[in-house]
PDB file of N, CA and C in Angstrom:
ATOM      1  N   MET A   1     103.297 120.035  99.908  1.00  0.00           N
ATOM      2  CA  MET A   1     103.331 119.432 101.210  1.00  0.00           C
ATOM      3  C   MET A   1     104.740 119.448 101.780  1.00  0.00           C
ATOM      4  N   TYR A   2     105.752 119.107 100.968  1.00  0.00           N
ATOM      5  CA  TYR A   2     107.121 119.102 101.449  1.00  0.00           C
ATOM      6  C   TYR A   2     107.591 120.508 101.792  1.00  0.00           C
ATOM      7  N   HIS A   3     107.043 121.490 101.099  1.00  0.00           N
ATOM      8  CA  HIS A   3     107.416 122.876 101.341  1.00  0.00           C
ATOM      9  C   HIS A   3     107.074 123.287 102.770  1.00  0.00           C
ATOM     10  N   ALA A   4     105.915 122.857 103.253  1.00  0.00           N
ATOM     11  CA  ALA A   4     105.498 123.182 104.620  1.00  0.00           C
ATOM     12  C   ALA A   4     106.436 122.540 105.632  1.00  0.00           C
ATOM     13  N   TYR A   5     106.865 121.300 105.380  1.00  0.00           N
ATOM     14  CA  TYR A   5     107.799 120.629 106.287  1.00  0.00           C
ATOM     15  C   TYR A   5     109.156 121.333 106.298  1.00  0.00           C
ATOM     16  N   SER A   6     109.575 121.827 105.151  1.00  0.00           N
ATOM     17  CA  SER A   6     110.843 122.556 105.078  1.00  0.00           C
ATOM     18  C   SER A   6     110.786 123.830 105.911  1.00  0.00           C
ATOM     19  N   LEU A   7     109.693 124.557 105.780  1.00  0.00           N
ATOM     20  CA  LEU A   7     109.538 125.784 106.561  1.00  0.00           C
ATOM     21  C   LEU A   7     109.469 125.484 108.054  1.00  0.00           C
ATOM     22  N   LEU A   8     108.790 124.413 108.405  1.00  0.00           N
ATOM     23  CA  LEU A   8     108.688 124.018 109.801  1.00  0.00           C
ATOM     24  C   LEU A   8     110.062 123.623 110.355  1.00  0.00           C
ATOM     25  N   ALA A   9     110.841 122.899 109.564  1.00  0.00           N
ATOM     26  CA  ALA A   9     112.178 122.497 109.989  1.00  0.00           C
ATOM     27  C   ALA A   9     113.085 123.718 110.160  1.00  0.00           C
ATOM     28  N   LEU A  10     113.001 124.678 109.257  1.00  0.00           N
ATOM     29  CA  LEU A  10     113.799 125.898 109.380  1.00  0.00           C
ATOM     30  C   LEU A  10     113.415 126.695 110.620  1.00  0.00           C
ATOM     31  N   GLU A  11     112.137 126.794 110.876  1.00  0.00           N
ATOM     32  CA  GLU A  11     111.671 127.519 112.054  1.00  0.00           C
ATOM     33  C   GLU A  11     112.137 126.834 113.334  1.00  0.00           C
ATOM     34  N   LEU A  12     112.080 125.513 113.359  1.00  0.00           N
ATOM     35  CA  LEU A  12     112.544 124.761 114.519  1.00  0.00           C
ATOM     36  C   LEU A  12     114.046 124.945 114.725  1.00  0.00           C
ATOM     37  N   ALA A  13     114.806 124.923 113.644  1.00  0.00           N
ATOM     38  CA  ALA A  13     116.254 125.131 113.744  1.00  0.00           C
ATOM     39  C   ALA A  13     116.562 126.534 114.244  1.00  0.00           C
ATOM     40  N   ASN A  14     115.840 127.533 113.764  1.00  0.00           N
ATOM     41  CA  ASN A  14     116.042 128.906 114.230  1.00  0.00           C
ATOM     42  C   ASN A  14     115.709 129.042 115.710  1.00  0.00           C
ATOM     43  N   ASP A  15     114.633 128.377 116.154  1.00  0.00           N
ATOM     44  CA  ASP A  15     114.265 128.419 117.572  1.00  0.00           C
ATOM     45  C   ASP A  15     115.353 127.794 118.441  1.00  0.00           C
ATOM     46  N   ARG A  16     115.878 126.668 118.007  1.00  0.00           N
ATOM     47  CA  ARG A  16     116.938 126.002 118.776  1.00  0.00           C
ATOM     48  C   ARG A  16     118.200 126.842 118.817  1.00  0.00           C
ATOM     49  N   ALA A  17     118.553 127.461 117.702  1.00  0.00           N
ATOM     50  CA  ALA A  17     119.736 128.322 117.679  1.00  0.00           C
ATOM     51  C   ALA A  17     119.544 129.519 118.600  1.00  0.00           C
ATOM     52  N   ARG A  18     118.368 130.103 118.583  1.00  0.00           N
ATOM     53  CA  ARG A  18     118.065 131.239 119.458  1.00  0.00           C
ATOM     54  C   ARG A  18     118.135 130.827 120.928  1.00  0.00           C
ATOM     55  N   GLU A  19     117.583 129.659 121.260  1.00  0.00           N
ATOM     56  CA  GLU A  19     117.642 129.170 122.640  1.00  0.00           C
ATOM     57  C   GLU A  19     119.076 128.900 123.074  1.00  0.00           C
ATOM     58  N   ALA A  20     119.881 128.334 122.183  1.00  0.00           N
ATOM     59  CA  ALA A  20     121.283 128.069 122.511  1.00  0.00           C
ATOM     60  C   ALA A  20     122.044 129.381 122.723  1.00  0.00           C
ATOM     61  N   ARG A  21     121.787 130.365 121.867  1.00  0.00           N
ATOM     62  CA  ARG A  21     122.453 131.671 122.012  1.00  0.00           C
ATOM     63  C   ARG A  21     122.044 132.334 123.316  1.00  0.00           C
ATOM     64  N   ASP A  22     120.758 132.273 123.655  1.00  0.00           N
ATOM     65  CA  ASP A  22     120.288 132.856 124.914  1.00  0.00           C
ATOM     66  C   ASP A  22     120.883 132.142 126.119  1.00  0.00           C
ATOM     67  N   ALA A  23     120.988 130.820 126.045  1.00  0.00           N
ATOM     68  CA  ALA A  23     121.586 130.060 127.148  1.00  0.00           C
ATOM     69  C   ALA A  23     123.060 130.406 127.305  1.00  0.00           C
ATOM     70  N   HIS A  24     123.749 130.590 126.186  1.00  0.00           N
ATOM     71  CA  HIS A  24     125.165 130.960 126.238  1.00  0.00           C
ATOM     72  C   HIS A  24     125.335 132.346 126.867  1.00  0.00           C
ATOM     73  N   ARG A  25     124.498 133.281 126.469  1.00  0.00           N
ATOM     74  CA  ARG A  25     124.560 134.626 127.039  1.00  0.00           C
ATOM     75  C   ARG A  25     124.246 134.604 128.535  1.00  0.00           C
ATOM     76  N   ALA A  26     123.286 133.791 128.925  1.00  0.00           N
ATOM     77  CA  ALA A  26     122.945 133.683 130.344  1.00  0.00           C
ATOM     78  C   ALA A  26     124.101 133.086 131.134  1.00  0.00           C
ATOM     79  N   ALA A  27     124.770 132.095 130.564  1.00  0.00           N
ATOM     80  CA  ALA A  27     125.926 131.500 131.237  1.00  0.00           C
ATOM     81  C   ALA A  27     127.048 132.518 131.383  1.00  0.00           C
ATOM     82  N   LEU A  28     127.268 133.329 130.363  1.00  0.00           N
ATOM     83  CA  LEU A  28     128.292 134.374 130.451  1.00  0.00           C
ATOM     84  C   LEU A  28     127.927 135.402 131.511  1.00  0.00           C
ATOM     85  N   ALA A  29     126.657 135.756 131.571  1.00  0.00           N
ATOM     86  CA  ALA A  29     126.214 136.761 132.536  1.00  0.00           C
ATOM     87  C   ALA A  29     126.367 136.250 133.960  1.00  0.00           C
ATOM     88  N   THR A  30     126.043 134.985 134.201  1.00  0.00           N
ATOM     89  CA  THR A  30     126.179 134.447 135.553  1.00  0.00           C
ATOM     90  C   THR A  30     127.642 134.270 135.939  1.00  0.00           C
ATOM     91  N   ALA A  31     128.508 134.063 134.955  1.00  0.00           N
ATOM     92  CA  ALA A  31     129.942 133.925 135.238  1.00  0.00           C
ATOM     93  C   ALA A  31     130.597 135.294 135.393  1.00  0.00           C
ATOM     94  N   GLY A  32     129.889 136.351 135.048  1.00  0.00           N
ATOM     95  CA  GLY A  32     130.441 137.696 135.164  1.00  0.00           C
ATOM     96  C   GLY A  32     131.343 138.091 134.011  1.00  0.00           C
ATOM     97  N   LEU A  33     131.251 137.380 132.916  1.00  0.00           N
ATOM     98  CA  LEU A  33     132.089 137.683 131.751  1.00  0.00           C
ATOM     99  C   LEU A  33     131.335 138.606 130.802  1.00  0.00           C
ATOM    100  N   PRO A  34     132.024 139.556 130.195  1.00  0.00           N
ATOM    101  CA  PRO A  34     131.351 140.430 129.225  1.00  0.00           C
ATOM    102  C   PRO A  34     131.063 139.677 127.929  1.00  0.00           C
ATOM    103  N   GLU A  35     130.066 140.146 127.191  1.00  0.00           N
ATOM    104  CA  GLU A  35     129.732 139.515 125.917  1.00  0.00           C
ATOM    105  C   GLU A  35     130.788 139.798 124.859  1.00  0.00           C
ATOM    106  N   ARG A  36     131.389 140.963 124.930  1.00  0.00           N
ATOM    107  CA  ARG A  36     132.403 141.340 123.951  1.00  0.00           C
ATOM    108  C   ARG A  36     133.760 141.414 124.634  1.00  0.00           C
ATOM    109  N   PRO A  37     134.827 141.145 123.905  1.00  0.00           N
ATOM    110  CA  PRO A  37     136.153 141.273 124.502  1.00  0.00           C
ATOM    111  C   PRO A  37     136.464 142.736 124.830  1.00  0.00           C
ATOM    112  N   SER A  38     137.338 142.939 125.769  1.00  0.00           N
ATOM    113  CA  SER A  38     137.675 144.300 126.171  1.00  0.00           C
ATOM    114  C   SER A  38     138.410 145.028 125.045  1.00  0.00           C
ATOM    115  N   VAL A  39     138.504 146.335 125.193  1.00  0.00           N
ATOM    116  CA  VAL A  39     139.173 147.154 124.180  1.00  0.00           C
ATOM    117  C   VAL A  39     140.650 146.771 124.091  1.00  0.00           C
ATOM    118  N   ALA A  40     141.272 146.541 125.252  1.00  0.00           N
ATOM    119  CA  ALA A  40     142.697 146.169 125.250  1.00  0.00           C
ATOM    120  C   ALA A  40     142.900 144.820 124.560  1.00  0.00           C
ATOM    121  N   ARG A  41     142.017 143.885 124.852  1.00  0.00           N
ATOM    122  CA  ARG A  41     142.144 142.561 124.233  1.00  0.00           C
ATOM    123  C   ARG A  41     141.962 142.649 122.731  1.00  0.00           C
ATOM    124  N   ARG A  42     141.003 143.450 122.291  1.00  0.00           N
ATOM    125  CA  ARG A  42     140.761 143.619 120.858  1.00  0.00           C
ATOM    126  C   ARG A  42     141.961 144.305 120.193  1.00  0.00           C
ATOM    127  N   ALA A  43     142.512 145.335 120.837  1.00  0.00           N
ATOM    128  CA  ALA A  43     143.671 146.026 120.275  1.00  0.00           C
ATOM    129  C   ALA A  43     144.872 145.087 120.182  1.00  0.00           C
ATOM    130  N   LEU A  44     145.061 144.269 121.215  1.00  0.00           N
ATOM    131  CA  LEU A  44     146.154 143.296 121.186  1.00  0.00           C
ATOM    132  C   LEU A  44     145.960 142.291 120.053  1.00  0.00           C
ATOM    133  N   ALA A  45     144.728 141.835 119.856  1.00  0.00           N
ATOM    134  CA  ALA A  45     144.443 140.894 118.773  1.00  0.00           C
ATOM    135  C   ALA A  45     144.723 141.524 117.412  1.00  0.00           C
ATOM    136  N   HIS A  46     144.336 142.788 117.248  1.00  0.00           N
ATOM    137  CA  HIS A  46     144.613 143.468 115.974  1.00  0.00           C
ATOM    138  C   HIS A  46     146.117 143.648 115.777  1.00  0.00           C
ATOM    139  N   GLY A  47     146.828 143.962 116.836  1.00  0.00           N
ATOM    140  CA  GLY A  47     148.281 144.113 116.734  1.00  0.00           C
ATOM    141  C   GLY A  47     148.957 142.807 116.361  1.00  0.00           C
ATOM    142  N   LEU A  48     148.555 141.723 117.000  1.00  0.00           N
ATOM    143  CA  LEU A  48     149.134 140.420 116.659  1.00  0.00           C
ATOM    144  C   LEU A  48     148.787 140.010 115.234  1.00  0.00           C
ATOM    145  N   ALA A  49     147.586 140.335 114.801  1.00  0.00           N
ATOM    146  CA  ALA A  49     147.205 140.023 113.421  1.00  0.00           C
ATOM    147  C   ALA A  49     148.065 140.803 112.436  1.00  0.00           C
ATOM    148  N   ALA A  50     148.355 142.063 112.753  1.00  0.00           N
ATOM    149  CA  ALA A  50     149.206 142.873 111.873  1.00  0.00           C
ATOM    150  C   ALA A  50     150.619 142.305 111.820  1.00  0.00           C
ATOM    151  N   VAL A  51     151.145 141.887 112.972  1.00  0.00           N
ATOM    152  CA  VAL A  51     152.486 141.278 113.001  1.00  0.00           C
ATOM    153  C   VAL A  51     152.484 139.985 112.196  1.00  0.00           C
ATOM    154  N   SER A  52     151.430 139.195 112.336  1.00  0.00           N
ATOM    155  CA  SER A  52     151.334 137.940 111.603  1.00  0.00           C
ATOM    156  C   SER A  52     151.284 138.180 110.094  1.00  0.00           C
ATOM    157  N   ARG A  53     150.478 139.158 109.680  1.00  0.00           N
ATOM    158  CA  ARG A  53     150.418 139.481 108.241  1.00  0.00           C
ATOM    159  C   ARG A  53     151.765 139.978 107.737  1.00  0.00           C
ATOM    160  N   GLY A  54     152.443 140.801 108.547  1.00  0.00           N
ATOM    161  CA  GLY A  54     153.760 141.308 108.142  1.00  0.00           C
ATOM    162  C   GLY A  54     154.780 140.202 108.014  1.00  0.00           C
ATOM    163  N   SER A  55     154.787 139.277 108.968  1.00  0.00           N
ATOM    164  CA  SER A  55     155.752 138.181 108.888  1.00  0.00           C
ATOM    165  C   SER A  55     155.435 137.254 107.718  1.00  0.00           C
ATOM    166  N   ALA A  56     154.153 137.044 107.437  1.00  0.00           N
ATOM    167  CA  ALA A  56     153.781 136.221 106.284  1.00  0.00           C
ATOM    168  C   ALA A  56     154.238 136.873 104.987  1.00  0.00           C
ATOM    169  N   TYR A  57     154.102 138.201 104.912  1.00  0.00           N
ATOM    170  CA  TYR A  57     154.571 138.924 103.727  1.00  0.00           C
ATOM    171  C   TYR A  57     156.089 138.776 103.575  1.00  0.00           C
ATOM    172  N   ALA A  58     156.820 138.914 104.690  1.00  0.00           N
ATOM    173  CA  ALA A  58     158.278 138.793 104.640  1.00  0.00           C
ATOM    174  C   ALA A  58     158.699 137.389 104.226  1.00  0.00           C
ATOM    175  N   VAL A  59     158.017 136.376 104.730  1.00  0.00           N
ATOM    176  CA  VAL A  59     158.347 135.000 104.367  1.00  0.00           C
ATOM    177  C   VAL A  59     158.074 134.762 102.885  1.00  0.00           C
ATOM    178  N   ARG A  60     156.963 135.293 102.372  1.00  0.00           N
ATOM    179  CA  ARG A  60     156.681 135.135 100.943  1.00  0.00           C
ATOM    180  C   ARG A  60     157.751 135.802 100.093  1.00  0.00           C
ATOM    181  N   ARG A  61     158.177 137.009 100.492  1.00  0.00           N
ATOM    182  CA  ARG A  61     159.230 137.704  99.744  1.00  0.00           C
ATOM    183  C   ARG A  61     160.536 136.913  99.792  1.00  0.00           C
ATOM    184  N   LEU A  62     160.891 136.401 100.966  1.00  0.00           N
ATOM    185  CA  LEU A  62     162.109 135.617 101.119  1.00  0.00           C
ATOM    186  C   LEU A  62     162.016 134.342 100.291  1.00  0.00           C
ATOM    187  N   ASP A  63     160.863 133.719 100.289  1.00  0.00           N
ATOM    188  CA  ASP A  63     160.661 132.501  99.517  1.00  0.00           C
ATOM    189  C   ASP A  63     160.837 132.778  98.034  1.00  0.00           C
ATOM    190  N   ASP A  64     160.310 133.911  97.562  1.00  0.00           N
ATOM    191  CA  ASP A  64     160.487 134.274  96.151  1.00  0.00           C
ATOM    192  C   ASP A  64     161.954 134.464  95.810  1.00  0.00           C
ATOM    193  N   CYS A  65     162.696 135.143  96.682  1.00  0.00           N
ATOM    194  CA  CYS A  65     164.123 135.384  96.435  1.00  0.00           C
ATOM    195  C   CYS A  65     164.916 134.086  96.434  1.00  0.00           C
ATOM    196  N   VAL A  66     164.642 133.225  97.406  1.00  0.00           N
ATOM    197  CA  VAL A  66     165.358 131.951  97.487  1.00  0.00           C
ATOM    198  C   VAL A  66     165.007 131.078  96.302  1.00  0.00           C
ATOM    199  N   ALA A  67     163.743 131.088  95.890  1.00  0.00           N
ATOM    200  CA  ALA A  67     163.334 130.284  94.737  1.00  0.00           C
ATOM    201  C   ALA A  67     164.035 130.773  93.477  1.00  0.00           C
ATOM    202  N   ASP A  68     164.183 132.095  93.322  1.00  0.00           N
ATOM    203  CA  ASP A  68     164.894 132.631  92.162  1.00  0.00           C
ATOM    204  C   ASP A  68     166.359 132.211  92.189  1.00  0.00           C
ATOM    205  N   ASP A  69     166.993 132.326  93.355  1.00  0.00           N
ATOM    206  CA  ASP A  69     168.407 131.928  93.484  1.00  0.00           C
ATOM    207  C   ASP A  69     168.569 130.436  93.225  1.00  0.00           C
ATOM    208  N   LEU A  70     167.679 129.627  93.749  1.00  0.00           N
ATOM    209  CA  LEU A  70     167.749 128.190  93.545  1.00  0.00           C
ATOM    210  C   LEU A  70     167.522 127.851  92.086  1.00  0.00           C
ATOM    211  N   GLY A  71     166.606 128.550  91.424  1.00  0.00           N
ATOM    212  CA  GLY A  71     166.359 128.322  90.009  1.00  0.00           C
ATOM    213  C   GLY A  71     167.589 128.655  89.177  1.00  0.00           C
ATOM    214  N   ARG A  72     168.279 129.745  89.533  1.00  0.00           N
ATOM    215  CA  ARG A  72     169.515 130.082  88.804  1.00  0.00           C
ATOM    216  C   ARG A  72     170.609 129.077  89.082  1.00  0.00           C
ATOM    217  N   ALA A  73     170.696 128.580  90.303  1.00  0.00           N
ATOM    218  CA  ALA A  73     171.755 127.624  90.656  1.00  0.00           C
ATOM    219  C   ALA A  73     171.535 126.291  89.960  1.00  0.00           C
ATOM    220  N   LEU A  74     170.313 125.886  89.768  1.00  0.00           N
ATOM    221  CA  LEU A  74     170.027 124.599  89.143  1.00  0.00           C
ATOM    222  C   LEU A  74     169.916 124.693  87.628  1.00  0.00           C
ATOM    223  N   ALA A  75     169.918 125.898  87.086  1.00  0.00           N
ATOM    224  CA  ALA A  75     169.804 126.046  85.626  1.00  0.00           C
ATOM    225  C   ALA A  75     171.061 125.496  84.968  1.00  0.00           C
ATOM    226  N   PRO A  76     170.887 124.869  83.822  1.00  0.00           N
ATOM    227  CA  PRO A  76     172.089 124.335  83.140  1.00  0.00           C
ATOM    228  C   PRO A  76     172.988 125.479  82.685  1.00  0.00           C
ATOM    229  N   SER A  77     174.260 125.319  82.943  1.00  0.00           N
ATOM    230  CA  SER A  77     175.213 126.364  82.542  1.00  0.00           C
ATOM    231  C   SER A  77     175.664 126.121  81.111  1.00  0.00           C
ATOM    232  N   LYS A  78     176.016 127.215  80.456  1.00  0.00           N
ATOM    233  CA  LYS A  78     176.434 127.123  79.039  1.00  0.00           C
ATOM    234  C   LYS A  78     177.898 126.949  78.923  1.00  0.00           C
TER     235      LYS A  78
END
């Protein structure tokens, strides 16, 4: 018996999600906005992501170097 209620609840949730997605698409269409971002916008996003990954890599490398230097500076001297 509970199994039937679970299936019914899933079907209802899927229907609501589908209706919300359709309403969102209709709102975009009436506003004149495309469903997908433009090619230029996507290329810019990929470029910024590449710059972000590169800067994160550089910061990690710098952090490793500084941590090594700090570890040597704080090590007890003989």
